[in-house]
Amino acid sequence: TLMKNAKSYEPKIKKLLAGLKKLAPPARPEPEQYVRVLVHSILHADATGRQADNALSALETGFVDFNELRVTQPKEIVECIGEDLPDIRRKADVLVAVLNGLFSRVADIKMEHLGQLGKRDIRRHLRELGCPPFAEAMVSMKCYDVHAIPVDDSLRDLLEMNEQIHPGADMLDTQAFLERIIPQKNGLAAHGFFRQYVARNAAVLQRKR
């Protein structure tokens, strides 16, 4: 769906991203790392990079592999990571659901098969597995070279607070809007900018909520 009054918000986003330096794409992860990227992306929404890294490392220490994680009770995942990670309870449920969704399709915890799909189908498939918009976009961008801009609640709320998107636009509308006006070659740089933008405004956002 198209965000309401998208045309009038376009210049605001372009102004926000003015002077963005195009980044050389990082090396794509090896296919056997894709599930790790998926798990990290689910943990990363509304959290700092360091929080997500720490949470992933707690899981990798606490569980034998992602298949063990798949058959774990969400409350054990919460206990392993701790309550400091934003939205940890919902994320634990999502992790178990997505890993089980993956397993039910290929009887394994692997994602290489997605590479054979078209770019739109990759995204649709990830959403059907239960990936939230932020994680779906992160995985699409990092593993499959699909043009995607990860949007979480923090970014959506911040853009709305600063009148850079239409009031009430949801995450998917915001994501589609940003992906339409930011060219693929700037996608990665824009994503990096948005993470810093959220980090710089974290205190203001907290007060507003």
C-alpha atoms as a PDB file:
ATOM      1  CA  THR A   1       0.000   0.000   0.000  1.00  0.00           C
ATOM      2  CA  LEU A   2       1.081   3.535  -0.617  1.00  0.00           C
ATOM      3  CA  MET A   3       1.581   5.743   2.420  1.00  0.00           C
ATOM      4  CA  LYS A   4      -0.840   8.689   2.555  1.00  0.00           C
ATOM      5  CA  ASN A   5       0.557  11.945   1.130  1.00  0.00           C
ATOM      6  CA  ALA A   6       3.800  10.131   0.275  1.00  0.00           C
ATOM      7  CA  LYS A   7       4.748  12.826  -2.261  1.00  0.00           C
ATOM      8  CA  SER A   8       4.795  15.567   0.372  1.00  0.00           C
ATOM      9  CA  TYR A   9       7.039  13.527   2.708  1.00  0.00           C
ATOM     10  CA  GLU A  10       9.526  12.551   0.020  1.00  0.00           C
ATOM     11  CA  PRO A  11      11.538  15.840   0.161  1.00  0.00           C
ATOM     12  CA  LYS A  12      11.763  15.558   3.968  1.00  0.00           C
ATOM     13  CA  ILE A  13      13.387  12.124   3.793  1.00  0.00           C
ATOM     14  CA  LYS A  14      15.681  13.221   0.974  1.00  0.00           C
ATOM     15  CA  LYS A  15      16.749  16.214   3.058  1.00  0.00           C
ATOM     16  CA  LEU A  16      17.352  13.966   6.074  1.00  0.00           C
ATOM     17  CA  LEU A  17      19.570  11.692   3.968  1.00  0.00           C
ATOM     18  CA  ALA A  18      21.347  14.477   2.071  1.00  0.00           C
ATOM     19  CA  GLY A  19      25.095  13.931   1.882  1.00  0.00           C
ATOM     20  CA  LEU A  20      24.787  10.214   2.484  1.00  0.00           C
ATOM     21  CA  LYS A  21      28.008   8.525   1.363  1.00  0.00           C
ATOM     22  CA  LYS A  22      27.468   5.419  -0.705  1.00  0.00           C
ATOM     23  CA  LEU A  23      28.962   2.430   1.104  1.00  0.00           C
ATOM     24  CA  ALA A  24      30.728  -0.468  -0.544  1.00  0.00           C
ATOM     25  CA  PRO A  25      28.557  -3.494   0.193  1.00  0.00           C
ATOM     26  CA  PRO A  26      30.080  -5.720   2.875  1.00  0.00           C
ATOM     27  CA  ALA A  27      30.976  -9.293   1.963  1.00  0.00           C
ATOM     28  CA  ARG A  28      27.821 -11.351   1.884  1.00  0.00           C
ATOM     29  CA  PRO A  29      27.689 -13.948   4.657  1.00  0.00           C
ATOM     30  CA  GLU A  30      28.296 -17.569   3.695  1.00  0.00           C
ATOM     31  CA  PRO A  31      24.996 -19.456   3.135  1.00  0.00           C
ATOM     32  CA  GLU A  32      25.548 -21.496   6.325  1.00  0.00           C
ATOM     33  CA  GLN A  33      25.545 -18.191   8.244  1.00  0.00           C
ATOM     34  CA  TYR A  34      22.126 -17.080   6.926  1.00  0.00           C
ATOM     35  CA  VAL A  35      20.180 -18.513   9.875  1.00  0.00           C
ATOM     36  CA  ARG A  36      22.561 -16.717  12.247  1.00  0.00           C
ATOM     37  CA  VAL A  37      21.834 -13.457  10.380  1.00  0.00           C
ATOM     38  CA  LEU A  38      18.100 -14.208  10.713  1.00  0.00           C
ATOM     39  CA  VAL A  39      18.330 -14.776  14.484  1.00  0.00           C
ATOM     40  CA  HIS A  40      20.483 -11.645  14.950  1.00  0.00           C
ATOM     41  CA  SER A  41      18.034  -9.571  12.867  1.00  0.00           C
ATOM     42  CA  ILE A  42      15.078 -10.637  15.015  1.00  0.00           C
ATOM     43  CA  LEU A  43      17.021  -9.666  18.150  1.00  0.00           C
ATOM     44  CA  HIS A  44      18.209  -6.360  16.648  1.00  0.00           C
ATOM     45  CA  ALA A  45      14.831  -4.622  16.174  1.00  0.00           C
ATOM     46  CA  ASP A  46      14.454  -1.659  18.600  1.00  0.00           C
ATOM     47  CA  ALA A  47      17.807  -2.591  20.171  1.00  0.00           C
ATOM     48  CA  THR A  48      21.364  -1.327  19.716  1.00  0.00           C
ATOM     49  CA  GLY A  49      23.853  -3.346  17.707  1.00  0.00           C
ATOM     50  CA  ARG A  50      25.714  -4.178  20.903  1.00  0.00           C
ATOM     51  CA  GLN A  51      22.547  -5.415  22.647  1.00  0.00           C
ATOM     52  CA  ALA A  52      21.775  -7.659  19.656  1.00  0.00           C
ATOM     53  CA  ASP A  53      25.366  -8.976  19.531  1.00  0.00           C
ATOM     54  CA  ASN A  54      25.314  -9.758  23.259  1.00  0.00           C
ATOM     55  CA  ALA A  55      21.944 -11.489  22.985  1.00  0.00           C
ATOM     56  CA  LEU A  56      23.124 -13.627  20.060  1.00  0.00           C
ATOM     57  CA  SER A  57      26.291 -14.569  21.868  1.00  0.00           C
ATOM     58  CA  ALA A  58      24.249 -15.566  24.964  1.00  0.00           C
ATOM     59  CA  LEU A  59      22.126 -17.873  22.763  1.00  0.00           C
ATOM     60  CA  GLU A  60      25.188 -19.378  21.076  1.00  0.00           C
ATOM     61  CA  THR A  61      26.713 -20.078  24.489  1.00  0.00           C
ATOM     62  CA  GLY A  62      23.474 -21.323  26.041  1.00  0.00           C
ATOM     63  CA  PHE A  63      22.276 -23.651  23.259  1.00  0.00           C
ATOM     64  CA  VAL A  64      24.044 -26.296  21.187  1.00  0.00           C
ATOM     65  CA  ASP A  65      22.742 -24.906  17.883  1.00  0.00           C
ATOM     66  CA  PHE A  66      19.736 -23.187  16.313  1.00  0.00           C
ATOM     67  CA  ASN A  67      17.919 -26.509  16.051  1.00  0.00           C
ATOM     68  CA  GLU A  68      18.017 -26.822  19.841  1.00  0.00           C
ATOM     69  CA  LEU A  69      16.773 -23.238  20.026  1.00  0.00           C
ATOM     70  CA  ARG A  70      13.845 -24.222  17.790  1.00  0.00           C
ATOM     71  CA  VAL A  71      12.563 -26.801  20.292  1.00  0.00           C
ATOM     72  CA  THR A  72      13.151 -24.603  23.360  1.00  0.00           C
ATOM     73  CA  GLN A  73      10.413 -22.940  25.405  1.00  0.00           C
ATOM     74  CA  PRO A  74      10.398 -19.165  24.784  1.00  0.00           C
ATOM     75  CA  LYS A  75      10.706 -18.552  28.539  1.00  0.00           C
ATOM     76  CA  GLU A  76      14.074 -20.363  28.517  1.00  0.00           C
ATOM     77  CA  ILE A  77      15.253 -18.046  25.746  1.00  0.00           C
ATOM     78  CA  VAL A  78      14.201 -15.056  27.869  1.00  0.00           C
ATOM     79  CA  GLU A  79      16.105 -16.477  30.854  1.00  0.00           C
ATOM     80  CA  CYS A  80      19.191 -17.066  28.689  1.00  0.00           C
ATOM     81  CA  ILE A  81      19.264 -13.544  27.208  1.00  0.00           C
ATOM     82  CA  GLY A  82      17.877 -11.618  30.187  1.00  0.00           C
ATOM     83  CA  GLU A  83      15.158  -8.975  30.350  1.00  0.00           C
ATOM     84  CA  ASP A  84      17.357  -6.076  29.190  1.00  0.00           C
ATOM     85  CA  LEU A  85      16.835  -6.685  25.481  1.00  0.00           C
ATOM     86  CA  PRO A  86      13.858  -4.599  24.277  1.00  0.00           C
ATOM     87  CA  ASP A  87      10.735  -6.681  23.637  1.00  0.00           C
ATOM     88  CA  ILE A  88      12.533  -9.902  24.582  1.00  0.00           C
ATOM     89  CA  ARG A  89       9.384 -11.904  25.367  1.00  0.00           C
ATOM     90  CA  ARG A  90       7.835 -11.318  21.951  1.00  0.00           C
ATOM     91  CA  LYS A  91      11.196 -11.888  20.249  1.00  0.00           C
ATOM     92  CA  ALA A  92      11.582 -15.265  22.002  1.00  0.00           C
ATOM     93  CA  ASP A  93       8.149 -16.316  20.649  1.00  0.00           C
ATOM     94  CA  VAL A  94       9.070 -15.064  17.166  1.00  0.00           C
ATOM     95  CA  LEU A  95      12.417 -16.933  17.179  1.00  0.00           C
ATOM     96  CA  VAL A  96      10.770 -20.246  18.025  1.00  0.00           C
ATOM     97  CA  ALA A  97       7.956 -19.698  15.485  1.00  0.00           C
ATOM     98  CA  VAL A  98      10.279 -18.668  12.624  1.00  0.00           C
ATOM     99  CA  LEU A  99      12.777 -21.495  13.202  1.00  0.00           C
ATOM    100  CA  ASN A 100       9.915 -23.995  13.326  1.00  0.00           C
ATOM    101  CA  GLY A 101       8.423 -22.470  10.178  1.00  0.00           C
ATOM    102  CA  LEU A 102      11.750 -22.975   8.449  1.00  0.00           C
ATOM    103  CA  PHE A 103      12.070 -26.554   9.707  1.00  0.00           C
ATOM    104  CA  SER A 104       8.548 -27.480   8.630  1.00  0.00           C
ATOM    105  CA  ARG A 105       9.376 -26.436   5.042  1.00  0.00           C
ATOM    106  CA  VAL A 106      12.793 -28.050   4.524  1.00  0.00           C
ATOM    107  CA  ALA A 107      13.113 -30.441   7.506  1.00  0.00           C
ATOM    108  CA  ASP A 108      16.295 -28.586   8.433  1.00  0.00           C
ATOM    109  CA  ILE A 109      17.457 -25.258   9.849  1.00  0.00           C
ATOM    110  CA  LYS A 110      18.797 -23.933   6.556  1.00  0.00           C
ATOM    111  CA  MET A 111      17.964 -21.036   4.253  1.00  0.00           C
ATOM    112  CA  GLU A 112      19.988 -21.718   1.111  1.00  0.00           C
ATOM    113  CA  HIS A 113      16.840 -22.746  -0.794  1.00  0.00           C
ATOM    114  CA  LEU A 114      15.546 -19.149  -0.663  1.00  0.00           C
ATOM    115  CA  GLY A 115      18.344 -18.103  -3.006  1.00  0.00           C
ATOM    116  CA  GLN A 116      16.556 -19.916  -5.847  1.00  0.00           C
ATOM    117  CA  LEU A 117      13.486 -17.689  -5.513  1.00  0.00           C
ATOM    118  CA  GLY A 118      12.862 -14.319  -7.152  1.00  0.00           C
ATOM    119  CA  LYS A 119      13.539 -11.260  -4.988  1.00  0.00           C
ATOM    120  CA  ARG A 120       9.863 -10.569  -4.217  1.00  0.00           C
ATOM    121  CA  ASP A 121       9.293 -14.215  -3.376  1.00  0.00           C
ATOM    122  CA  ILE A 122      12.229 -14.229  -0.957  1.00  0.00           C
ATOM    123  CA  ARG A 123      10.600 -11.408   0.997  1.00  0.00           C
ATOM    124  CA  ARG A 124       7.152 -12.985   0.850  1.00  0.00           C
ATOM    125  CA  HIS A 125       8.568 -16.313   2.035  1.00  0.00           C
ATOM    126  CA  LEU A 126      10.354 -14.678   4.984  1.00  0.00           C
ATOM    127  CA  ARG A 127       7.124 -12.906   5.982  1.00  0.00           C
ATOM    128  CA  GLU A 128       5.198 -16.168   5.719  1.00  0.00           C
ATOM    129  CA  LEU A 129       7.718 -17.731   8.125  1.00  0.00           C
ATOM    130  CA  GLY A 130       6.657 -15.032  10.610  1.00  0.00           C
ATOM    131  CA  CYS A 131       9.620 -12.675  10.243  1.00  0.00           C
ATOM    132  CA  PRO A 132       8.736  -9.168  11.460  1.00  0.00           C
ATOM    133  CA  PRO A 133       9.346  -6.397   8.856  1.00  0.00           C
ATOM    134  CA  PHE A 134      12.718  -5.349  10.322  1.00  0.00           C
ATOM    135  CA  ALA A 135      14.185  -8.871  10.340  1.00  0.00           C
ATOM    136  CA  GLU A 136      12.732  -9.718   6.932  1.00  0.00           C
ATOM    137  CA  ALA A 137      14.336  -6.615   5.401  1.00  0.00           C
ATOM    138  CA  MET A 138      17.699  -7.197   7.143  1.00  0.00           C
ATOM    139  CA  VAL A 139      17.940 -10.793   5.918  1.00  0.00           C
ATOM    140  CA  SER A 140      16.788  -9.877   2.380  1.00  0.00           C
ATOM    141  CA  MET A 141      19.369  -7.101   2.173  1.00  0.00           C
ATOM    142  CA  LYS A 142      22.329  -8.868   3.797  1.00  0.00           C
ATOM    143  CA  CYS A 143      21.933 -12.417   2.481  1.00  0.00           C
ATOM    144  CA  TYR A 144      20.123 -12.110  -0.837  1.00  0.00           C
ATOM    145  CA  ASP A 145      21.131  -8.669  -2.101  1.00  0.00           C
ATOM    146  CA  VAL A 146      17.482  -7.553  -2.246  1.00  0.00           C
ATOM    147  CA  HIS A 147      16.718  -3.823  -1.976  1.00  0.00           C
ATOM    148  CA  ALA A 148      15.169  -3.466   1.475  1.00  0.00           C
ATOM    149  CA  ILE A 149      15.166  -0.862   4.252  1.00  0.00           C
ATOM    150  CA  PRO A 150      14.730  -2.339   7.741  1.00  0.00           C
ATOM    151  CA  VAL A 151      12.119  -0.437   9.780  1.00  0.00           C
ATOM    152  CA  ASP A 152      11.353  -1.130  13.447  1.00  0.00           C
ATOM    153  CA  ASP A 153       8.999   0.646  15.867  1.00  0.00           C
ATOM    154  CA  SER A 154      11.746   3.025  16.994  1.00  0.00           C
ATOM    155  CA  LEU A 155      12.496   4.279  13.484  1.00  0.00           C
ATOM    156  CA  ARG A 156       8.821   4.494  12.562  1.00  0.00           C
ATOM    157  CA  ASP A 157       7.996   6.409  15.764  1.00  0.00           C
ATOM    158  CA  LEU A 158      10.962   8.761  15.316  1.00  0.00           C
ATOM    159  CA  LEU A 159      10.093   9.595  11.690  1.00  0.00           C
ATOM    160  CA  GLU A 160       6.502  10.238  12.741  1.00  0.00           C
ATOM    161  CA  MET A 161       7.586  12.369  15.708  1.00  0.00           C
ATOM    162  CA  ASN A 162       9.758  14.491  13.383  1.00  0.00           C
ATOM    163  CA  GLU A 163       6.937  14.744  10.824  1.00  0.00           C
ATOM    164  CA  GLN A 164       8.923  12.854   8.188  1.00  0.00           C
ATOM    165  CA  ILE A 165       6.177  10.307   7.487  1.00  0.00           C
ATOM    166  CA  HIS A 166       2.378  10.492   7.556  1.00  0.00           C
ATOM    167  CA  PRO A 167       0.929  10.228  11.091  1.00  0.00           C
ATOM    168  CA  GLY A 168      -0.283   6.699  11.740  1.00  0.00           C
ATOM    169  CA  ALA A 169       1.630   5.109   8.829  1.00  0.00           C
ATOM    170  CA  ASP A 170       2.411   1.551   9.902  1.00  0.00           C
ATOM    171  CA  MET A 171       5.765  -0.222   9.628  1.00  0.00           C
ATOM    172  CA  LEU A 172       5.077  -1.863   6.273  1.00  0.00           C
ATOM    173  CA  ASP A 173       3.815   1.389   4.718  1.00  0.00           C
ATOM    174  CA  THR A 174       6.865   3.232   6.054  1.00  0.00           C
ATOM    175  CA  GLN A 175       9.170   0.526   4.747  1.00  0.00           C
ATOM    176  CA  ALA A 176       7.580   0.545   1.275  1.00  0.00           C
ATOM    177  CA  PHE A 177       7.772   4.356   1.178  1.00  0.00           C
ATOM    178  CA  LEU A 178      11.473   4.429   2.106  1.00  0.00           C
ATOM    179  CA  GLU A 179      12.340   1.625  -0.316  1.00  0.00           C
ATOM    180  CA  ARG A 180      10.615   3.503  -3.121  1.00  0.00           C
ATOM    181  CA  ILE A 181      12.528   6.765  -2.655  1.00  0.00           C
ATOM    182  CA  ILE A 182      15.942   5.464  -1.556  1.00  0.00           C
ATOM    183  CA  PRO A 183      17.833   3.851  -4.449  1.00  0.00           C
ATOM    184  CA  GLN A 184      19.241   0.369  -3.897  1.00  0.00           C
ATOM    185  CA  LYS A 185      22.830   1.608  -4.163  1.00  0.00           C
ATOM    186  CA  ASN A 186      22.192   3.789  -1.066  1.00  0.00           C
ATOM    187  CA  GLY A 187      20.196   1.180   0.863  1.00  0.00           C
ATOM    188  CA  LEU A 188      22.993   0.039   3.125  1.00  0.00           C
ATOM    189  CA  ALA A 189      24.216   3.565   3.880  1.00  0.00           C
ATOM    190  CA  ALA A 190      20.624   4.670   4.607  1.00  0.00           C
ATOM    191  CA  HIS A 191      20.168   1.724   6.974  1.00  0.00           C
ATOM    192  CA  GLY A 192      23.370   2.681   8.837  1.00  0.00           C
ATOM    193  CA  PHE A 193      22.232   6.297   8.990  1.00  0.00           C
ATOM    194  CA  PHE A 194      18.788   5.340  10.350  1.00  0.00           C
ATOM    195  CA  ARG A 195      20.343   3.212  13.135  1.00  0.00           C
ATOM    196  CA  GLN A 196      22.470   6.192  14.215  1.00  0.00           C
ATOM    197  CA  TYR A 197      19.480   8.523  13.888  1.00  0.00           C
ATOM    198  CA  VAL A 198      17.489   6.312  16.284  1.00  0.00           C
ATOM    199  CA  ALA A 199      20.451   6.019  18.710  1.00  0.00           C
ATOM    200  CA  ARG A 200      20.969   9.811  18.779  1.00  0.00           C
ATOM    201  CA  ASN A 201      17.276  10.415  19.481  1.00  0.00           C
ATOM    202  CA  ALA A 202      16.727   7.519  21.890  1.00  0.00           C
ATOM    203  CA  ALA A 203      16.200   9.747  24.949  1.00  0.00           C
ATOM    204  CA  VAL A 204      13.725  12.065  23.202  1.00  0.00           C
ATOM    205  CA  LEU A 205      11.854   9.051  21.842  1.00  0.00           C
ATOM    206  CA  GLN A 206      11.705   7.491  25.299  1.00  0.00           C
ATOM    207  CA  ARG A 207      10.190  10.667  26.794  1.00  0.00           C
ATOM    208  CA  LYS A 208       7.668  10.946  23.967  1.00  0.00           C
ATOM    209  CA  ARG A 209       6.467   7.387  24.539  1.00  0.00           C
END
